[in-house]
Amino acid sequence: EITAQQVIAERAMNRHLQGGCQVPIAGYAALSQGQLHIEGRVGSVDGATLLKVELKGTPEQAEQLGETLAQKLLEQGAGDLLKAFH
């Protein structure tokens, strides 16, 4: 069940960013001391820009954490970076 919550959070972030295999999006979730920690990154085509956001919450919030993390990346400009790949 722990792995499932981690995957739910990672996939929610990727889905919200409309990511795919060819897009420079990274997401990693891990459970530590009862908290689900998720980190997301979005990079530019040339690698010059790397946006990074980290969040923590309960495992039950996995989907919400992934979506919130994606939204925070978009607020930092991830949408503009990702347009180069779509």
Protein backbone atom coordinates (compact mmCIF):
# COMPACT_ATOMS: atom_id res chain seq x y z
CA GLU A 1 0.00 0.00 0.00
CA ILE A 2 2.89 2.39 0.67
CA THR A 3 4.21 1.94 -2.86
CA ALA A 4 0.72 2.50 -4.25
CA GLN A 5 0.45 5.87 -2.47
CA GLN A 6 3.85 6.92 -3.79
CA VAL A 7 2.91 5.99 -7.35
CA ILE A 8 -0.47 7.76 -7.05
CA ALA A 9 1.28 10.99 -6.04
CA GLU A 10 3.90 10.75 -8.81
CA ARG A 11 1.33 9.94 -11.50
CA ALA A 12 -1.02 12.72 -10.38
CA MET A 13 1.79 15.23 -10.77
CA ASN A 14 2.76 13.93 -14.21
CA ARG A 15 -0.87 13.78 -15.39
CA HIS A 16 -1.56 17.33 -14.21
CA LEU A 17 1.51 18.54 -16.12
CA GLN A 18 0.47 16.49 -19.18
CA GLY A 19 3.84 14.77 -19.13
CA GLY A 20 5.07 11.83 -21.11
CA CYS A 21 8.22 9.86 -21.75
CA GLN A 22 9.83 12.56 -23.90
CA VAL A 23 9.19 15.48 -21.52
CA PRO A 24 11.76 16.64 -18.92
CA ILE A 25 9.56 16.01 -15.86
CA ALA A 26 10.77 14.16 -12.79
CA GLY A 27 8.71 13.09 -9.82
CA TYR A 28 9.69 11.08 -6.78
CA ALA A 29 7.62 10.23 -3.73
CA ALA A 30 8.79 8.46 -0.57
CA LEU A 31 7.27 7.67 2.79
CA SER A 32 9.26 8.67 5.87
CA GLN A 33 8.07 8.78 9.47
CA GLY A 34 4.45 8.54 8.40
CA GLN A 35 4.71 11.46 5.97
CA LEU A 36 4.57 11.23 2.19
CA HIS A 37 7.29 13.41 0.71
CA ILE A 38 7.07 14.24 -2.99
CA GLU A 39 9.53 16.17 -5.10
CA GLY A 40 8.89 17.33 -8.65
CA ARG A 41 11.13 18.92 -11.24
CA VAL A 42 10.64 20.37 -14.71
CA GLY A 43 13.55 21.34 -16.95
CA SER A 44 13.98 23.43 -20.05
CA VAL A 45 14.90 22.03 -23.46
CA ASP A 46 18.48 23.26 -23.17
CA GLY A 47 18.87 22.24 -19.53
CA ALA A 48 19.56 25.83 -18.45
CA THR A 49 16.45 26.02 -16.24
CA LEU A 50 15.35 23.53 -13.61
CA LEU A 51 12.26 24.15 -11.50
CA LYS A 52 11.89 22.20 -8.26
CA VAL A 53 9.09 21.87 -5.71
CA GLU A 54 8.82 19.67 -2.62
CA LEU A 55 5.74 18.92 -0.52
CA LYS A 56 4.85 16.72 2.45
CA GLY A 57 1.54 15.34 3.61
CA THR A 58 -0.19 12.18 4.70
CA PRO A 59 -0.25 9.11 2.47
CA GLU A 60 -4.03 9.57 2.15
CA GLN A 61 -3.37 12.92 0.44
CA ALA A 62 -1.25 11.32 -2.32
CA GLU A 63 -3.41 12.41 -5.27
CA GLN A 64 -3.87 15.92 -3.88
CA LEU A 65 -0.15 16.28 -3.14
CA GLY A 66 0.74 15.33 -6.71
CA GLU A 67 -1.75 17.79 -8.18
CA THR A 68 -0.71 20.59 -5.82
CA LEU A 69 2.94 20.00 -6.61
CA ALA A 70 2.20 20.22 -10.34
CA GLN A 71 0.24 23.43 -9.83
CA LYS A 72 3.15 24.97 -7.92
CA LEU A 73 5.50 24.02 -10.77
CA LEU A 74 3.12 25.64 -13.24
CA GLU A 75 3.06 28.79 -11.11
CA GLN A 76 6.87 28.88 -11.35
CA GLY A 77 6.72 28.72 -15.16
CA ALA A 78 6.68 25.01 -15.96
CA GLY A 79 3.95 25.54 -18.56
CA ASP A 80 6.19 27.72 -20.67
CA LEU A 81 9.05 25.21 -20.43
CA LEU A 82 6.80 22.32 -21.40
CA LYS A 83 5.31 24.10 -24.43
CA ALA A 84 8.58 23.42 -26.26
CA PHE A 85 7.78 19.70 -26.14
CA HIS A 86 4.14 19.78 -27.23
